[in-house]
Structure formats: C-alpha cells, structure tokens
PDB file of all heavy atoms in Angstrom:
ATOM      1  N   PHE A   1     -82.246  34.851-108.343  1.00  0.00           N
ATOM      2  CA  PHE A   1     -81.712  34.055-109.444  1.00  0.00           C
ATOM      3  C   PHE A   1     -82.411  32.713-109.579  1.00  0.00           C
ATOM      4  O   PHE A   1     -82.637  32.224-110.699  1.00  0.00           O
ATOM      5  CB  PHE A   1     -80.206  33.831-109.279  1.00  0.00           C
ATOM      6  CG  PHE A   1     -79.584  33.111-110.443  1.00  0.00           C
ATOM      7  CD1 PHE A   1     -79.340  33.782-111.630  1.00  0.00           C
ATOM      8  CD2 PHE A   1     -79.273  31.766-110.365  1.00  0.00           C
ATOM      9  CE1 PHE A   1     -78.809  33.115-112.725  1.00  0.00           C
ATOM     10  CE2 PHE A   1     -78.733  31.092-111.447  1.00  0.00           C
ATOM     11  CZ  PHE A   1     -78.496  31.773-112.641  1.00  0.00           C
ATOM     12  N   VAL A   2     -82.743  32.092-108.467  1.00  0.00           N
ATOM     13  CA  VAL A   2     -83.346  30.751-108.487  1.00  0.00           C
ATOM     14  C   VAL A   2     -84.862  30.881-108.431  1.00  0.00           C
ATOM     15  O   VAL A   2     -85.435  31.235-107.404  1.00  0.00           O
ATOM     16  CB  VAL A   2     -82.842  29.895-107.308  1.00  0.00           C
ATOM     17  CG1 VAL A   2     -83.482  28.511-107.353  1.00  0.00           C
ATOM     18  CG2 VAL A   2     -81.319  29.785-107.338  1.00  0.00           C
ATOM     19  N   GLY A   3     -85.516  30.606-109.535  1.00  0.00           N
ATOM     20  CA  GLY A   3     -86.965  30.703-109.583  1.00  0.00           C
ATOM     21  C   GLY A   3     -87.432  32.134-109.794  1.00  0.00           C
ATOM     22  O   GLY A   3     -86.638  33.066-109.948  1.00  0.00           O
ATOM     23  N   GLN A   4     -88.745  32.304-109.780  1.00  0.00           N
ATOM     24  CA  GLN A   4     -89.340  33.630-109.935  1.00  0.00           C
ATOM     25  C   GLN A   4     -89.689  34.200-108.567  1.00  0.00           C
ATOM     26  O   GLN A   4     -89.981  33.466-107.630  1.00  0.00           O
ATOM     27  CB  GLN A   4     -90.590  33.550-110.813  1.00  0.00           C
ATOM     28  CG  GLN A   4     -90.302  33.158-112.253  1.00  0.00           C
ATOM     29  CD  GLN A   4     -91.570  33.123-113.090  1.00  0.00           C
ATOM     30  OE1 GLN A   4     -92.587  32.589-112.670  1.00  0.00           O
ATOM     31  NE2 GLN A   4     -91.500  33.680-114.285  1.00  0.00           N
ATOM     32  N   THR A   5     -89.695  35.516-108.468  1.00  0.00           N
ATOM     33  CA  THR A   5     -89.961  36.182-107.202  1.00  0.00           C
ATOM     34  C   THR A   5     -90.895  37.367-107.413  1.00  0.00           C
ATOM     35  O   THR A   5     -90.735  38.131-108.372  1.00  0.00           O
ATOM     36  CB  THR A   5     -88.649  36.700-106.564  1.00  0.00           C
ATOM     37  OG1 THR A   5     -87.732  35.618-106.443  1.00  0.00           O
ATOM     38  CG2 THR A   5     -88.897  37.285-105.184  1.00  0.00           C
ATOM     39  N   ILE A   6     -91.868  37.492-106.525  1.00  0.00           N
ATOM     40  CA  ILE A   6     -92.703  38.694-106.459  1.00  0.00           C
ATOM     41  C   ILE A   6     -92.149  39.558-105.340  1.00  0.00           C
ATOM     42  O   ILE A   6     -91.950  39.085-104.215  1.00  0.00           O
ATOM     43  CB  ILE A   6     -94.179  38.332-106.177  1.00  0.00           C
ATOM     44  CG1 ILE A   6     -94.763  37.567-107.374  1.00  0.00           C
ATOM     45  CG2 ILE A   6     -94.995  39.586-105.880  1.00  0.00           C
ATOM     46  CD1 ILE A   6     -96.154  37.029-107.122  1.00  0.00           C
ATOM     47  N   ARG A   7     -91.897  40.828-105.647  1.00  0.00           N
ATOM     48  CA  ARG A   7     -91.322  41.735-104.652  1.00  0.00           C
ATOM     49  C   ARG A   7     -92.214  42.961-104.475  1.00  0.00           C
ATOM     50  O   ARG A   7     -92.645  43.569-105.464  1.00  0.00           O
ATOM     51  CB  ARG A   7     -89.921  42.177-105.080  1.00  0.00           C
ATOM     52  CG  ARG A   7     -88.893  41.081-105.072  1.00  0.00           C
ATOM     53  CD  ARG A   7     -87.514  41.600-105.471  1.00  0.00           C
ATOM     54  NE  ARG A   7     -87.481  42.015-106.861  1.00  0.00           N
ATOM     55  CZ  ARG A   7     -87.256  41.185-107.873  1.00  0.00           C
ATOM     56  NH1 ARG A   7     -87.014  39.906-107.635  1.00  0.00           N
ATOM     57  NH2 ARG A   7     -87.258  41.624-109.122  1.00  0.00           N
ATOM     58  N   LEU A   8     -92.462  43.305-103.206  1.00  0.00           N
ATOM     59  CA  LEU A   8     -93.231  44.502-102.876  1.00  0.00           C
ATOM     60  C   LEU A   8     -92.518  45.260-101.771  1.00  0.00           C
ATOM     61  O   LEU A   8     -91.784  44.672-100.980  1.00  0.00           O
ATOM     62  CB  LEU A   8     -94.641  44.125-102.415  1.00  0.00           C
ATOM     63  CG  LEU A   8     -95.572  43.544-103.496  1.00  0.00           C
ATOM     64  CD1 LEU A   8     -96.780  42.886-102.843  1.00  0.00           C
ATOM     65  CD2 LEU A   8     -96.012  44.630-104.471  1.00  0.00           C
ATOM     66  N   ARG A   9     -92.748  46.546-101.705  1.00  0.00           N
ATOM     67  CA  ARG A   9     -92.164  47.365-100.640  1.00  0.00           C
ATOM     68  C   ARG A   9     -93.220  47.634 -99.569  1.00  0.00           C
ATOM     69  O   ARG A   9     -94.398  47.863 -99.893  1.00  0.00           O
ATOM     70  CB  ARG A   9     -91.650  48.697-101.187  1.00  0.00           C
ATOM     71  CG  ARG A   9     -90.548  48.541-102.226  1.00  0.00           C
ATOM     72  CD  ARG A   9     -90.013  49.896-102.684  1.00  0.00           C
ATOM     73  NE  ARG A   9     -91.075  50.785-103.135  1.00  0.00           N
ATOM     74  CZ  ARG A   9     -91.648  50.735-104.338  1.00  0.00           C
ATOM     75  NH1 ARG A   9     -91.272  49.797-105.202  1.00  0.00           N
ATOM     76  NH2 ARG A   9     -92.605  51.585-104.668  1.00  0.00           N
ATOM     77  N   GLY A  10     -92.788  47.595 -98.314  1.00  0.00           N
ATOM     78  CA  GLY A  10     -93.706  47.846 -97.215  1.00  0.00           C
ATOM     79  C   GLY A  10     -93.010  48.468 -96.025  1.00  0.00           C
ATOM     80  O   GLY A  10     -91.804  48.702 -96.041  1.00  0.00           O
ATOM     81  N   ILE A  11     -93.790  48.716 -94.972  1.00  0.00           N
ATOM     82  CA  ILE A  11     -93.279  49.283 -93.726  1.00  0.00           C
ATOM     83  C   ILE A  11     -93.665  48.351 -92.582  1.00  0.00           C
ATOM     84  O   ILE A  11     -94.838  47.950 -92.462  1.00  0.00           O
ATOM     85  CB  ILE A  11     -93.853  50.695 -93.457  1.00  0.00           C
ATOM     86  CG1 ILE A  11     -93.521  51.640 -94.611  1.00  0.00           C
ATOM     87  CG2 ILE A  11     -93.326  51.250 -92.137  1.00  0.00           C
ATOM     88  CD1 ILE A  11     -92.056  51.950 -94.757  1.00  0.00           C
ATOM     89  N   ALA A  12     -92.691  47.998 -91.723  1.00  0.00           N
ATOM     90  CA  ALA A  12     -92.964  47.154 -90.561  1.00  0.00           C
ATOM     91  C   ALA A  12     -93.690  47.963 -89.496  1.00  0.00           C
ATOM     92  O   ALA A  12     -93.309  49.101 -89.195  1.00  0.00           O
ATOM     93  CB  ALA A  12     -91.659  46.585 -90.014  1.00  0.00           C
ATOM     94  N   GLU A  13     -94.722  47.343 -88.935  1.00  0.00           N
ATOM     95  CA  GLU A  13     -95.507  48.019 -87.899  1.00  0.00           C
ATOM     96  C   GLU A  13     -95.611  47.156 -86.657  1.00  0.00           C
ATOM     97  O   GLU A  13     -95.337  45.955 -86.680  1.00  0.00           O
ATOM     98  CB  GLU A  13     -96.915  48.338 -88.424  1.00  0.00           C
ATOM     99  CG  GLU A  13     -96.952  49.318 -89.584  1.00  0.00           C
ATOM    100  CD  GLU A  13     -98.373  49.637 -90.020  1.00  0.00           C
ATOM    101  OE1 GLU A  13     -99.295  48.837 -89.711  1.00  0.00           O
ATOM    102  OE2 GLU A  13     -98.568  50.685 -90.669  1.00  0.00           O
ATOM    103  N   GLY A  14     -96.069  47.789 -85.546  1.00  0.00           N
ATOM    104  CA  GLY A  14     -96.295  47.062 -84.295  1.00  0.00           C
ATOM    105  C   GLY A  14     -95.032  46.387 -83.803  1.00  0.00           C
ATOM    106  O   GLY A  14     -94.009  47.039 -83.605  1.00  0.00           O
ATOM    107  N   ASP A  15     -95.110  45.067 -83.608  1.00  0.00           N
ATOM    108  CA  ASP A  15     -93.940  44.324 -83.123  1.00  0.00           C
ATOM    109  C   ASP A  15     -92.988  43.942 -84.258  1.00  0.00           C
ATOM    110  O   ASP A  15     -92.053  43.179 -84.046  1.00  0.00           O
ATOM    111  CB  ASP A  15     -94.374  43.074 -82.358  1.00  0.00           C
ATOM    112  CG  ASP A  15     -95.128  42.080 -83.241  1.00  0.00           C
ATOM    113  OD1 ASP A  15     -95.372  42.404 -84.432  1.00  0.00           O
ATOM    114  OD2 ASP A  15     -95.470  40.991 -82.751  1.00  0.00           O
ATOM    115  N   GLY A  16     -93.246  44.467 -85.424  1.00  0.00           N
ATOM    116  CA  GLY A  16     -92.368  44.199 -86.563  1.00  0.00           C
ATOM    117  C   GLY A  16     -92.779  43.028 -87.416  1.00  0.00           C
ATOM    118  O   GLY A  16     -92.150  42.756 -88.440  1.00  0.00           O
ATOM    119  N   THR A  17     -93.851  42.333 -87.025  1.00  0.00           N
ATOM    120  CA  THR A  17     -94.314  41.189 -87.807  1.00  0.00           C
ATOM    121  C   THR A  17     -95.556  41.520 -88.632  1.00  0.00           C
ATOM    122  O   THR A  17     -96.143  40.636 -89.251  1.00  0.00           O
ATOM    123  CB  THR A  17     -94.637  39.988 -86.896  1.00  0.00           C
ATOM    124  OG1 THR A  17     -95.702  40.340 -86.007  1.00  0.00           O
ATOM    125  CG2 THR A  17     -93.407  39.572 -86.104  1.00  0.00           C
ATOM    126  N   ARG A  18     -95.941  42.783 -88.618  1.00  0.00           N
ATOM    127  CA  ARG A  18     -97.045  43.232 -89.467  1.00  0.00           C
ATOM    128  C   ARG A  18     -96.474  44.237 -90.472  1.00  0.00           C
ATOM    129  O   ARG A  18     -95.848  45.227 -90.079  1.00  0.00           O
ATOM    130  CB  ARG A  18     -98.167  43.853 -88.645  1.00  0.00           C
ATOM    131  CG  ARG A  18     -98.786  42.870 -87.647  1.00  0.00           C
ATOM    132  CD  ARG A  18     -99.959  43.485 -86.907  1.00  0.00           C
ATOM    133  NE  ARG A  18    -101.086  43.729 -87.796  1.00  0.00           N
ATOM    134  CZ  ARG A  18    -101.974  42.799 -88.175  1.00  0.00           C
ATOM    135  NH1 ARG A  18    -101.832  41.548 -87.754  1.00  0.00           N
ATOM    136  NH2 ARG A  18    -102.963  43.109 -88.977  1.00  0.00           N
ATOM    137  N   ILE A  19     -96.687  43.948 -91.725  1.00  0.00           N
ATOM    138  CA  ILE A  19     -96.098  44.750 -92.783  1.00  0.00           C
ATOM    139  C   ILE A  19     -97.216  45.448 -93.562  1.00  0.00           C
ATOM    140  O   ILE A  19     -98.082  44.789 -94.143  1.00  0.00           O
ATOM    141  CB  ILE A  19     -95.260  43.892 -93.750  1.00  0.00           C
ATOM    142  CG1 ILE A  19     -94.284  42.985 -92.988  1.00  0.00           C
ATOM    143  CG2 ILE A  19     -94.528  44.792 -94.733  1.00  0.00           C
ATOM    144  CD1 ILE A  19     -93.262  43.711 -92.147  1.00  0.00           C
ATOM    145  N   ARG A  20     -97.168  46.777 -93.544  1.00  0.00           N
ATOM    146  CA  ARG A  20     -98.171  47.544 -94.299  1.00  0.00           C
ATOM    147  C   ARG A  20     -97.682  47.749 -95.723  1.00  0.00           C
ATOM    148  O   ARG A  20     -96.596  48.267 -95.964  1.00  0.00           O
ATOM    149  CB  ARG A  20     -98.439  48.884 -93.630  1.00  0.00           C
ATOM    150  CG  ARG A  20     -99.430  49.756 -94.425  1.00  0.00           C
ATOM    151  CD  ARG A  20    -100.096  50.800 -93.589  1.00  0.00           C
ATOM    152  NE  ARG A  20    -100.980  50.202 -92.594  1.00  0.00           N
ATOM    153  CZ  ARG A  20    -102.218  49.740 -92.832  1.00  0.00           C
ATOM    154  NH1 ARG A  20    -102.721  49.800 -94.064  1.00  0.00           N
ATOM    155  NH2 ARG A  20    -102.943  49.211 -91.876  1.00  0.00           N
ATOM    156  N   ILE A  21     -98.540  47.331 -96.662  1.00  0.00           N
ATOM    157  CA  ILE A  21     -98.271  47.527 -98.083  1.00  0.00           C
ATOM    158  C   ILE A  21     -99.472  48.247 -98.658  1.00  0.00           C
ATOM    159  O   ILE A  21    -100.563  47.666 -98.799  1.00  0.00           O
ATOM    160  CB  ILE A  21     -98.050  46.189 -98.806  1.00  0.00           C
ATOM    161  CG1 ILE A  21     -96.900  45.407 -98.181  1.00  0.00           C
ATOM    162  CG2 ILE A  21     -97.791  46.421-100.291  1.00  0.00           C
ATOM    163  CD1 ILE A  21     -96.739  44.002 -98.715  1.00  0.00           C
ATOM    164  N   GLY A  22     -99.320  49.521 -98.967  1.00  0.00           N
ATOM    165  CA  GLY A  22    -100.453  50.303 -99.444  1.00  0.00           C
ATOM    166  C   GLY A  22    -101.543  50.339 -98.389  1.00  0.00           C
ATOM    167  O   GLY A  22    -101.304  50.677 -97.230  1.00  0.00           O
ATOM    168  N   GLY A  23    -102.740  49.926 -98.786  1.00  0.00           N
ATOM    169  CA  GLY A  23    -103.861  49.956 -97.858  1.00  0.00           C
ATOM    170  C   GLY A  23    -104.091  48.658 -97.109  1.00  0.00           C
ATOM    171  O   GLY A  23    -105.089  48.512 -96.409  1.00  0.00           O
ATOM    172  N   SER A  24    -103.200  47.685 -97.260  1.00  0.00           N
ATOM    173  CA  SER A  24    -103.375  46.381 -96.616  1.00  0.00           C
ATOM    174  C   SER A  24    -102.218  46.084 -95.664  1.00  0.00           C
ATOM    175  O   SER A  24    -101.156  46.701 -95.749  1.00  0.00           O
ATOM    176  CB  SER A  24    -103.462  45.270 -97.663  1.00  0.00           C
ATOM    177  OG  SER A  24    -104.491  45.503 -98.578  1.00  0.00           O
ATOM    178  N   THR A  25    -102.447  45.122 -94.761  1.00  0.00           N
ATOM    179  CA  THR A  25    -101.414  44.704 -93.817  1.00  0.00           C
ATOM    180  C   THR A  25    -101.256  43.191 -93.883  1.00  0.00           C
ATOM    181  O   THR A  25    -102.249  42.458 -93.866  1.00  0.00           O
ATOM    182  CB  THR A  25    -101.758  45.118 -92.380  1.00  0.00           C
ATOM    183  OG1 THR A  25    -101.926  46.528 -92.332  1.00  0.00           O
ATOM    184  CG2 THR A  25    -100.641  44.724 -91.419  1.00  0.00           C
ATOM    185  N   LEU A  26    -100.002  42.728 -93.945  1.00  0.00           N
ATOM    186  CA  LEU A  26     -99.696  41.302 -93.913  1.00  0.00           C
ATOM    187  C   LEU A  26     -99.129  40.934 -92.551  1.00  0.00           C
ATOM    188  O   LEU A  26     -98.217  41.609 -92.061  1.00  0.00           O
ATOM    189  CB  LEU A  26     -98.662  40.943 -94.980  1.00  0.00           C
ATOM    190  CG  LEU A  26     -99.098  40.862 -96.441  1.00  0.00           C
ATOM    191  CD1 LEU A  26     -97.905  40.470 -97.296  1.00  0.00           C
ATOM    192  CD2 LEU A  26    -100.236  39.865 -96.620  1.00  0.00           C
ATOM    193  N   ALA A  27     -99.635  39.862 -91.958  1.00  0.00           N
ATOM    194  CA  ALA A  27     -99.051  39.317 -90.730  1.00  0.00           C
ATOM    195  C   ALA A  27     -98.065  38.232 -91.131  1.00  0.00           C
ATOM    196  O   ALA A  27     -98.443  37.226 -91.737  1.00  0.00           O
ATOM    197  CB  ALA A  27    -100.142  38.738 -89.831  1.00  0.00           C
ATOM    198  N   VAL A  28     -96.786  38.420 -90.834  1.00  0.00           N
ATOM    199  CA  VAL A  28     -95.741  37.491 -91.264  1.00  0.00           C
ATOM    200  C   VAL A  28     -95.026  36.910 -90.056  1.00  0.00           C
ATOM    201  O   VAL A  28     -95.218  37.344 -88.921  1.00  0.00           O
ATOM    202  CB  VAL A  28     -94.725  38.204 -92.188  1.00  0.00           C
ATOM    203  CG1 VAL A  28     -95.424  38.692 -93.449  1.00  0.00           C
ATOM    204  CG2 VAL A  28     -94.053  39.368 -91.479  1.00  0.00           C
ATOM    205  N   ARG A  29     -94.186  35.901 -90.289  1.00  0.00           N
ATOM    206  CA  ARG A  29     -93.472  35.247 -89.190  1.00  0.00           C
ATOM    207  C   ARG A  29     -92.189  35.959 -88.826  1.00  0.00           C
ATOM    208  O   ARG A  29     -91.780  35.986 -87.679  1.00  0.00           O
ATOM    209  CB  ARG A  29     -93.178  33.791 -89.558  1.00  0.00           C
ATOM    210  CG  ARG A  29     -94.418  32.920 -89.620  1.00  0.00           C
ATOM    211  CD  ARG A  29     -94.056  31.456 -89.801  1.00  0.00           C
ATOM    212  NE  ARG A  29     -95.232  30.610 -89.806  1.00  0.00           N
ATOM    213  CZ  ARG A  29     -95.192  29.283 -89.933  1.00  0.00           C
ATOM    214  NH1 ARG A  29     -94.023  28.667 -90.073  1.00  0.00           N
ATOM    215  NH2 ARG A  29     -96.301  28.573 -89.924  1.00  0.00           N
ATOM    216  N   GLU A  30     -91.503  36.505 -89.841  1.00  0.00           N
ATOM    217  CA  GLU A  30     -90.270  37.222 -89.567  1.00  0.00           C
ATOM    218  C   GLU A  30     -90.583  38.546 -88.872  1.00  0.00           C
ATOM    219  O   GLU A  30     -91.661  39.113 -89.052  1.00  0.00           O
ATOM    220  CB  GLU A  30     -89.508  37.508 -90.861  1.00  0.00           C
ATOM    221  CG  GLU A  30     -88.827  36.308 -91.482  1.00  0.00           C
ATOM    222  CD  GLU A  30     -87.930  36.735 -92.639  1.00  0.00           C
ATOM    223  OE1 GLU A  30     -86.908  37.383 -92.375  1.00  0.00           O
ATOM    224  OE2 GLU A  30     -88.264  36.402 -93.777  1.00  0.00           O
ATOM    225  N   ALA A  31     -89.637  39.034 -88.124  1.00  0.00           N
ATOM    226  CA  ALA A  31     -89.799  40.324 -87.451  1.00  0.00           C
ATOM    227  C   ALA A  31     -88.720  41.288 -87.922  1.00  0.00           C
ATOM    228  O   ALA A  31     -87.551  40.924 -88.034  1.00  0.00           O
ATOM    229  CB  ALA A  31     -89.718  40.159 -85.934  1.00  0.00           C
ATOM    230  N   MET A  32     -89.144  42.506 -88.196  1.00  0.00           N
ATOM    231  CA  MET A  32     -88.225  43.586 -88.548  1.00  0.00           C
ATOM    232  C   MET A  32     -88.430  44.729 -87.558  1.00  0.00           C
ATOM    233  O   MET A  32     -89.430  44.776 -86.835  1.00  0.00           O
ATOM    234  CB  MET A  32     -88.485  44.069 -89.983  1.00  0.00           C
ATOM    235  CG  MET A  32     -88.363  42.999 -91.041  1.00  0.00           C
ATOM    236  SD  MET A  32     -86.664  42.408 -91.294  1.00  0.00           S
ATOM    237  CE  MET A  32     -86.011  43.759 -92.275  1.00  0.00           C
ATOM    238  N   ARG A  33     -87.513  45.655 -87.531  1.00  0.00           N
ATOM    239  CA  ARG A  33     -87.642  46.809 -86.640  1.00  0.00           C
ATOM    240  C   ARG A  33     -88.859  47.630 -87.044  1.00  0.00           C
ATOM    241  O   ARG A  33     -89.071  47.932 -88.213  1.00  0.00           O
ATOM    242  CB  ARG A  33     -86.373  47.657 -86.710  1.00  0.00           C
ATOM    243  CG  ARG A  33     -86.414  48.932 -85.866  1.00  0.00           C
ATOM    244  CD  ARG A  33     -85.115  49.700 -85.992  1.00  0.00           C
ATOM    245  NE  ARG A  33     -84.799  49.984 -87.387  1.00  0.00           N
ATOM    246  CZ  ARG A  33     -85.309  51.004 -88.079  1.00  0.00           C
ATOM    247  NH1 ARG A  33     -86.198  51.811 -87.499  1.00  0.00           N
ATOM    248  NH2 ARG A  33     -84.951  51.205 -89.330  1.00  0.00           N
ATOM    249  N   ALA A  34     -89.712  47.985 -86.068  1.00  0.00           N
ATOM    250  CA  ALA A  34     -90.908  48.779 -86.343  1.00  0.00           C
ATOM    251  C   ALA A  34     -90.518  50.086 -87.028  1.00  0.00           C
ATOM    252  O   ALA A  34     -89.581  50.776 -86.607  1.00  0.00           O
ATOM    253  CB  ALA A  34     -91.664  49.070 -85.049  1.00  0.00           C
ATOM    254  N   GLY A  35     -91.217  50.405 -88.095  1.00  0.00           N
ATOM    255  CA  GLY A  35     -90.926  51.607 -88.857  1.00  0.00           C
ATOM    256  C   GLY A  35     -89.934  51.394 -89.984  1.00  0.00           C
ATOM    257  O   GLY A  35     -89.731  52.284 -90.810  1.00  0.00           O
ATOM    258  N   ALA A  36     -89.309  50.216 -90.040  1.00  0.00           N
ATOM    259  CA  ALA A  36     -88.295  49.952 -91.064  1.00  0.00           C
ATOM    260  C   ALA A  36     -88.954  49.715 -92.421  1.00  0.00           C
ATOM    261  O   ALA A  36     -90.011  49.078 -92.515  1.00  0.00           O
ATOM    262  CB  ALA A  36     -87.447  48.750 -90.679  1.00  0.00           C
ATOM    263  N   ALA A  37     -88.313  50.223 -93.460  1.00  0.00           N
ATOM    264  CA  ALA A  37     -88.746  49.923 -94.826  1.00  0.00           C
ATOM    265  C   ALA A  37     -88.204  48.547 -95.208  1.00  0.00           C
ATOM    266  O   ALA A  37     -87.031  48.246 -94.971  1.00  0.00           O
ATOM    267  CB  ALA A  37     -88.225  50.984 -95.788  1.00  0.00           C
ATOM    268  N   VAL A  38     -89.060  47.701 -95.762  1.00  0.00           N
ATOM    269  CA  VAL A  38     -88.665  46.328 -96.076  1.00  0.00           C
ATOM    270  C   VAL A  38     -89.127  45.959 -97.474  1.00  0.00           C
ATOM    271  O   VAL A  38     -90.071  46.535 -98.023  1.00  0.00           O
ATOM    272  CB  VAL A  38     -89.251  45.307 -95.067  1.00  0.00           C
ATOM    273  CG1 VAL A  38     -88.740  45.579 -93.668  1.00  0.00           C
ATOM    274  CG2 VAL A  38     -90.772  45.324 -95.106  1.00  0.00           C
ATOM    275  N   GLU A  39     -88.395  44.995 -98.052  1.00  0.00           N
ATOM    276  CA  GLU A  39     -88.852  44.365 -99.279  1.00  0.00           C
ATOM    277  C   GLU A  39     -89.514  43.050 -98.896  1.00  0.00           C
ATOM    278  O   GLU A  39     -88.925  42.232 -98.188  1.00  0.00           O
ATOM    279  CB  GLU A  39     -87.678  44.096-100.217  1.00  0.00           C
ATOM    280  CG  GLU A  39     -88.104  43.429-101.526  1.00  0.00           C
ATOM    281  CD  GLU A  39     -86.922  43.104-102.425  1.00  0.00           C
ATOM    282  OE1 GLU A  39     -86.504  44.005-103.172  1.00  0.00           O
ATOM    283  OE2 GLU A  39     -86.418  41.964-102.362  1.00  0.00           O
ATOM    284  N   VAL A  40     -90.729  42.853 -99.338  1.00  0.00           N
ATOM    285  CA  VAL A  40     -91.491  41.639 -99.066  1.00  0.00           C
ATOM    286  C   VAL A  40     -91.401  40.760-100.311  1.00  0.00           C
ATOM    287  O   VAL A  40     -91.869  41.136-101.382  1.00  0.00           O
ATOM    288  CB  VAL A  40     -92.960  41.966 -98.749  1.00  0.00           C
ATOM    289  CG1 VAL A  40     -93.736  40.702 -98.409  1.00  0.00           C
ATOM    290  CG2 VAL A  40     -93.044  42.976 -97.608  1.00  0.00           C
ATOM    291  N   SER A  41     -90.759  39.583-100.182  1.00  0.00           N
ATOM    292  CA  SER A  41     -90.538  38.703-101.323  1.00  0.00           C
ATOM    293  C   SER A  41     -91.299  37.405-101.143  1.00  0.00           C
ATOM    294  O   SER A  41     -91.389  36.871-100.029  1.00  0.00           O
ATOM    295  CB  SER A  41     -89.040  38.392-101.469  1.00  0.00           C
ATOM    296  OG  SER A  41     -88.308  39.583-101.663  1.00  0.00           O
ATOM    297  N   MET A  42     -91.831  36.897-102.238  1.00  0.00           N
ATOM    298  CA  MET A  42     -92.596  35.647-102.182  1.00  0.00           C
ATOM    299  C   MET A  42     -92.529  34.971-103.545  1.00  0.00           C
ATOM    300  O   MET A  42     -92.257  35.613-104.567  1.00  0.00           O
ATOM    301  CB  MET A  42     -94.044  35.916-101.768  1.00  0.00           C
ATOM    302  CG  MET A  42     -94.797  36.802-102.724  1.00  0.00           C
ATOM    303  SD  MET A  42     -96.188  37.691-101.967  1.00  0.00           S
ATOM    304  CE  MET A  42     -95.329  39.098-101.283  1.00  0.00           C
ATOM    305  N   ARG A  43     -92.766  33.671-103.560  1.00  0.00           N
ATOM    306  CA  ARG A  43     -92.811  32.919-104.812  1.00  0.00           C
ATOM    307  C   ARG A  43     -94.215  33.014-105.414  1.00  0.00           C
ATOM    308  O   ARG A  43     -95.219  33.023-104.678  1.00  0.00           O
ATOM    309  CB  ARG A  43     -92.465  31.452-104.568  1.00  0.00           C
ATOM    310  CG  ARG A  43     -91.070  31.219-103.992  1.00  0.00           C
ATOM    311  CD  ARG A  43     -89.977  31.680-104.916  1.00  0.00           C
ATOM    312  NE  ARG A  43     -88.645  31.238-104.464  1.00  0.00           N
ATOM    313  CZ  ARG A  43     -87.516  31.607-105.043  1.00  0.00           C
ATOM    314  NH1 ARG A  43     -87.536  32.426-106.084  1.00  0.00           N
ATOM    315  NH2 ARG A  43     -86.350  31.173-104.583  1.00  0.00           N
TER     316      ARG A  43
END
C-alpha cells in the first residue's frame, strides 16, 4: 500500500540467504528455509 513495490517469486537455496529467480541468484540478508518458495519484494 505504501509506495510502489517490485515483486518476484524465487526459491531459497543453501543457507536460505541465496534466492534463485529464474537463471539468476540473489544473495540477501534475510534467511528463509532452504527449498522454500518466497516472494522477493523491493522498491
């Protein structure tokens, strides 16, 4: 609701701080359970 948001779907890999989106991987600070489907949101 507040501001605009870009949303993508990905899968958490390794220790949960690497998120695979299509053919690329993002290293993020948050950790999710490995193998979990996640929504990746950013401004």
